[in-house]
Amino acid sequence: MEQTKNELKLHYEKYREIIKNLTMMSDVFMRNVLKKADCAEYVLQVIMEKKDLKVIDVTVQQDHKNLQGRSVVLDCVAEDNSGDLFDIEVQQDAEGAAPKRARYHSAILDANTLNPGEDFTQLPQSYVIFITQDDVLGDGFAIYHIEKTVKETCKSFGDQAYIIYVDSSVQDDTELGRLMHDFHCKNADEMYSSILADRVRNIKETQKGVDEMCQEMKKIYEEGVEKGMEEGMEKGMERKARETAQNLSRMGLSVEAIADAVKVSISEVKEWLSGSVRSV
């Protein structure tokens, strides 16, 4: 029992050190910042260029089940006072922000919106927003707005399902650039936005905030390892182990610690994190 307490204390000390270096480009940290409605509201006001946008509901890390296919966990889903839905995702690698992933997130949003018997016309306007480490689409824009158009007329298809990509590496002297700067800040005192800074300060510098982050990181760690161990087939185990390794890397764990957690070699973890991994 005493050994377990000591191990838990050591884990928490490690997590506290990791938390100091986290930024909003870490999905686990970003979720904890944006679970406060005023923070999600500020981020959406800047990205959508709508000062009057008001967030009325925020849900973070919700597991959207798909009984006939792959389920997905959405980082942050917000609803505004017009009924529009926004899925905000942080992605460090290009694979995680692939166009077909954006399409799937949009479909999952729709599939979990209507109740039985409701007409399709009641689907809300929806936005899937990927905030990426670099320019995933590669055309040199700080922000990309994607919507379906009719090829023959070049008119909007009008399904009101939109996708937005934001390149967080563009941190120029614009409102969006300053927001992306804040997404990369470890220290609240260096942030432009007082709204985001206050929340980051609360998480990193108060006992309650640190404890909540430690608990969430512990949960992610344990669930990820457990899922990897529960998968019976070799391909499933490798896929789950790889996903766990990527999550732990975003949390700031070293390659050595990740290898120990998922029970694979250090070289294999490095291969997974570099992106040079075969499809499983």
Foldseek 3Di string as FASTA:
>chain_A
DVVVVVVLVVLLVVLLVLLLQAFCLQLLVVLLLVQPQVSVQLLCCLQVVPPPWHWDHKDAQDWQDDPVDDIDTFGMWTATPVREIEGEEREADLVCVDPVNLVVVLVSLQVPPDDPPDDLVPRHQYEYEYEYQADSVPPPDQKDKDADADPVPRHGPPSNYIYMYGHLVQQDPDSSNLVSVRRNDSALVPHPDPSSSVSSCCLNPDPVNSVVSSVVVVVLLVVLLVQLVPDDDPLSNVVSLLVSLVSVVSSPDDLVVSCVSSVHDSVVSVCSVVVVDDDD
